[in-house]
Amino acid sequence: MESKDKSAEPQLKGIVTRLFSEQGFYLQMLPDGTVNGTKDENSDNTLFNLIPVGLRVVAIQGVKAGLYVAMNGEGFLYSSEAFTAECKFKESVFENYYVIYSSTMYRQHESGRAWFLGLNNEGTIMKGNRVKKTQPCSHFVPRPIEVCMYKEPSLHELDEKQRSRKNSGTPTPLELNAFLHPNKQQQLQHRQASSETKINEVT
């Protein structure tokens, strides 16, 4: 009984932080799961839980939305209710103390180059396979708010529902208009309607 109670207690020390991009934007996750950048440094949507899930590996979870930032096999960023292998990001310190976040699951097949989280100069999320670690778009400065203890997230398999969603990246049509062909818009809206996201609070 004691071991069960102990395992249910928060075991991981992480931080609540804002991630400020060298492009001049704060990473944010809106309540509907949309991930992009904003200039509003006081927005609660810019608060993220950085939860250690491995050696220099973190899960990035929106505090308000309760969803995890994830990257799929095409390089699109999306938000996930379940914690999966696509939600794991390697956290590395780059030059001038900038921090870069790369997918632990996907990289370029031929060169082996990592796929990075990135915001362009308009605050729009970029495809991970188009971002290089030497570019300002991939550089972030964590601005910690507080240290917190977290329960270890339960790792879920990528089921068929998630796989169908991940083909289109972030499940918010407005954020994908720059990437998708017009004839895919109707299909994406149908997916969004059939996969409502709910907010989970981290204790």
Protein backbone atom coordinates (compact mmCIF):
# COMPACT_ATOMS: atom_id res chain seq x y z
CA MET A 1 0.00 0.00 0.00
CA GLU A 2 2.83 2.36 0.85
CA SER A 3 4.59 1.79 -2.47
CA LYS A 4 1.36 2.46 -4.34
CA ASP A 5 0.83 5.73 -2.49
CA LYS A 6 4.45 6.70 -3.03
CA SER A 7 4.27 6.04 -6.77
CA ALA A 8 1.22 8.29 -7.00
CA GLU A 9 3.14 11.20 -5.52
CA PRO A 10 4.92 13.75 -7.73
CA GLN A 11 8.45 12.48 -8.36
CA LEU A 12 9.87 14.73 -11.09
CA LYS A 13 11.24 18.21 -10.51
CA GLY A 14 10.47 20.52 -13.42
CA ILE A 15 9.62 24.16 -13.98
CA VAL A 16 6.78 26.40 -15.03
CA THR A 17 8.32 28.71 -17.59
CA ARG A 18 7.85 30.95 -20.58
CA LEU A 19 9.89 30.24 -23.70
CA PHE A 20 11.07 33.44 -25.38
CA SER A 21 12.23 33.09 -28.98
CA GLU A 22 15.16 34.98 -30.47
CA GLN A 23 12.59 36.11 -33.06
CA GLY A 24 10.93 38.24 -30.37
CA PHE A 25 7.91 36.05 -29.61
CA TYR A 26 6.79 33.96 -26.66
CA LEU A 27 5.73 30.44 -27.49
CA GLN A 28 2.06 30.03 -26.64
CA MET A 29 -0.62 27.33 -26.67
CA LEU A 30 -4.19 28.56 -27.02
CA PRO A 31 -7.09 26.76 -25.26
CA ASP A 32 -8.01 24.98 -28.51
CA GLY A 33 -4.49 23.54 -28.80
CA THR A 34 -3.15 25.97 -31.38
CA VAL A 35 0.60 26.52 -30.96
CA ASN A 36 2.20 29.76 -32.18
CA GLY A 37 4.00 32.88 -30.97
CA THR A 38 2.78 36.04 -29.26
CA LYS A 39 4.27 39.36 -28.13
CA ASP A 40 2.10 39.34 -25.00
CA GLU A 41 4.48 38.30 -22.24
CA ASN A 42 1.73 38.39 -19.60
CA SER A 43 -0.60 35.93 -21.31
CA ASP A 44 -1.33 32.76 -19.34
CA ASN A 45 -1.21 30.92 -22.66
CA THR A 46 2.56 31.41 -22.69
CA LEU A 47 3.05 29.34 -19.52
CA PHE A 48 4.43 25.84 -20.04
CA ASN A 49 5.27 22.93 -17.78
CA LEU A 50 8.74 21.62 -18.65
CA ILE A 51 8.67 18.09 -17.27
CA PRO A 52 11.86 15.97 -17.31
CA VAL A 53 11.09 12.59 -18.87
CA GLY A 54 14.64 11.41 -19.59
CA LEU A 55 18.26 12.52 -19.67
CA ARG A 56 18.08 16.05 -21.12
CA VAL A 57 14.64 15.14 -22.49
CA VAL A 58 11.51 17.11 -21.59
CA ALA A 59 7.78 17.15 -22.16
CA ILE A 60 6.42 20.62 -22.98
CA GLN A 61 2.87 21.01 -21.70
CA GLY A 62 0.66 24.08 -21.92
CA VAL A 63 -0.39 25.05 -18.39
CA LYS A 64 -3.81 26.40 -19.39
CA ALA A 65 -4.68 23.96 -22.18
CA GLY A 66 -3.22 20.92 -20.42
CA LEU A 67 -2.02 19.55 -23.77
CA TYR A 68 1.45 18.43 -24.81
CA VAL A 69 3.47 19.95 -27.65
CA ALA A 70 4.28 17.18 -30.14
CA MET A 71 5.96 16.79 -33.53
CA ASN A 72 4.80 14.26 -36.10
CA GLY A 73 6.66 12.32 -38.78
CA GLU A 74 6.19 15.09 -41.34
CA GLY A 75 7.70 17.76 -39.10
CA PHE A 76 4.39 19.43 -38.20
CA LEU A 77 3.89 20.60 -34.64
CA TYR A 78 0.59 19.75 -32.96
CA SER A 79 -0.97 19.50 -29.51
CA SER A 80 -1.70 16.12 -27.97
CA GLU A 81 -3.99 15.22 -25.08
CA ALA A 82 -2.04 12.01 -24.51
CA PHE A 83 1.68 11.88 -23.75
CA THR A 84 3.34 9.87 -26.54
CA ALA A 85 6.82 9.41 -27.97
CA GLU A 86 6.11 12.35 -30.29
CA CYS A 87 5.87 14.60 -27.21
CA LYS A 88 9.50 14.07 -26.18
CA PHE A 89 12.00 16.82 -26.98
CA LYS A 90 15.73 16.87 -26.40
CA GLU A 91 16.72 20.05 -24.58
CA SER A 92 20.18 21.34 -25.54
CA VAL A 93 22.04 24.53 -24.66
CA PHE A 94 23.32 26.26 -27.79
CA GLU A 95 25.70 29.21 -28.22
CA ASN A 96 25.01 32.38 -26.22
CA TYR A 97 22.95 30.32 -23.76
CA TYR A 98 20.03 29.82 -26.11
CA VAL A 99 18.14 26.57 -25.64
CA ILE A 100 17.01 24.43 -28.58
CA TYR A 101 14.39 21.68 -28.59
CA SER A 102 14.55 18.78 -31.04
CA SER A 103 12.30 15.78 -31.60
CA THR A 104 13.70 12.61 -30.05
CA MET A 105 11.73 10.50 -32.52
CA TYR A 106 12.32 12.05 -35.94
CA ARG A 107 15.28 13.42 -37.91
CA GLN A 108 16.48 13.66 -41.52
CA HIS A 109 16.92 10.14 -42.91
CA GLU A 110 20.05 10.77 -44.95
CA SER A 111 21.96 13.39 -42.97
CA GLY A 112 20.68 12.51 -39.52
CA ARG A 113 20.03 16.21 -38.85
CA ALA A 114 17.61 16.78 -35.99
CA TRP A 115 14.16 18.37 -36.38
CA PHE A 116 13.71 21.43 -34.18
CA LEU A 117 10.94 23.43 -32.61
CA GLY A 118 10.91 26.83 -34.30
CA LEU A 119 9.04 30.12 -34.74
CA ASN A 120 9.50 32.29 -37.83
CA ASN A 121 9.77 36.09 -37.78
CA GLU A 122 5.97 36.39 -37.86
CA GLY A 123 5.44 34.15 -34.85
CA THR A 124 4.23 31.18 -36.87
CA ILE A 125 5.29 27.64 -36.05
CA MET A 126 7.66 26.15 -38.63
CA LYS A 127 8.00 22.58 -39.84
CA GLY A 128 10.67 20.91 -37.76
CA ASN A 129 12.51 19.51 -40.77
CA ARG A 130 12.97 23.05 -42.12
CA VAL A 131 14.54 24.43 -38.95
CA LYS A 132 18.28 24.34 -38.27
CA LYS A 133 19.92 24.76 -34.89
CA THR A 134 22.04 27.65 -36.19
CA GLN A 135 18.95 29.70 -37.12
CA PRO A 136 17.36 32.25 -34.76
CA CYS A 137 13.98 30.58 -35.29
CA SER A 138 15.09 27.60 -33.18
CA HIS A 139 16.62 29.60 -30.32
CA PHE A 140 14.67 30.02 -27.08
CA VAL A 141 15.42 31.53 -23.69
CA PRO A 142 13.49 29.88 -20.84
CA ARG A 143 12.13 32.42 -18.36
CA PRO A 144 11.28 30.27 -15.33
CA ILE A 145 8.38 31.21 -13.08
CA GLU A 146 8.62 28.52 -10.41
CA VAL A 147 9.95 25.05 -9.69
CA CYS A 148 7.28 22.35 -9.45
CA MET A 149 7.06 18.64 -8.76
CA TYR A 150 5.29 16.52 -11.37
CA LYS A 151 3.97 13.01 -11.64
CA GLU A 152 5.65 11.06 -14.41
CA PRO A 153 3.40 11.23 -17.51
CA SER A 154 1.99 7.89 -18.62
CA LEU A 155 3.39 7.04 -22.04
CA HIS A 156 0.68 6.16 -24.57
CA GLU A 157 1.06 4.39 -27.88
CA LEU A 158 0.32 6.32 -31.06
CA ASP A 159 -3.10 4.86 -31.86
CA GLU A 160 -4.92 5.17 -35.17
CA LYS A 161 -6.82 8.27 -34.06
CA GLN A 162 -3.61 10.06 -33.21
CA ARG A 163 -1.90 8.86 -36.38
CA SER A 164 -4.70 10.25 -38.53
CA ARG A 165 -4.46 13.58 -36.71
CA LYS A 166 -0.69 13.78 -36.90
CA ASN A 167 -0.74 13.65 -40.70
CA SER A 168 -2.09 17.19 -40.68
CA GLY A 169 -0.04 18.60 -37.83
CA THR A 170 -1.62 20.98 -35.33
CA PRO A 171 -5.36 20.14 -35.21
CA THR A 172 -6.32 23.76 -35.82
CA PRO A 173 -7.05 24.65 -39.48
CA LEU A 174 -6.13 28.34 -39.11
CA GLU A 175 -2.55 27.46 -38.22
CA LEU A 176 -2.14 25.09 -41.14
CA ASN A 177 -3.41 27.20 -44.02
CA ALA A 178 0.15 28.13 -44.90
CA PHE A 179 1.12 24.47 -45.21
CA LEU A 180 -1.89 22.53 -46.51
CA HIS A 181 -3.37 22.43 -50.00
CA PRO A 182 -6.91 23.83 -50.27
CA ASN A 183 -8.43 20.41 -51.03
CA LYS A 184 -7.25 19.15 -47.64
CA GLN A 185 -9.04 21.86 -45.67
CA GLN A 186 -12.42 20.10 -45.58
CA GLN A 187 -10.82 16.86 -44.42
CA LEU A 188 -8.95 18.68 -41.65
CA GLN A 189 -12.10 20.41 -40.38
CA HIS A 190 -13.82 17.04 -40.19
CA ARG A 191 -10.95 15.66 -38.12
CA GLN A 192 -11.07 18.61 -35.78
CA ALA A 193 -14.80 18.25 -35.22
CA SER A 194 -14.46 14.57 -34.41
CA SER A 195 -11.59 14.97 -31.96
CA GLU A 196 -12.54 17.43 -29.21
CA THR A 197 -9.71 18.17 -26.80
CA LYS A 198 -10.28 18.51 -23.08
CA ILE A 199 -8.22 20.34 -20.51
CA ASN A 200 -6.27 18.30 -17.98
CA GLU A 201 -4.73 19.94 -14.93
CA VAL A 202 -1.26 18.91 -13.79
CA THR A 203 -1.01 18.41 -10.08
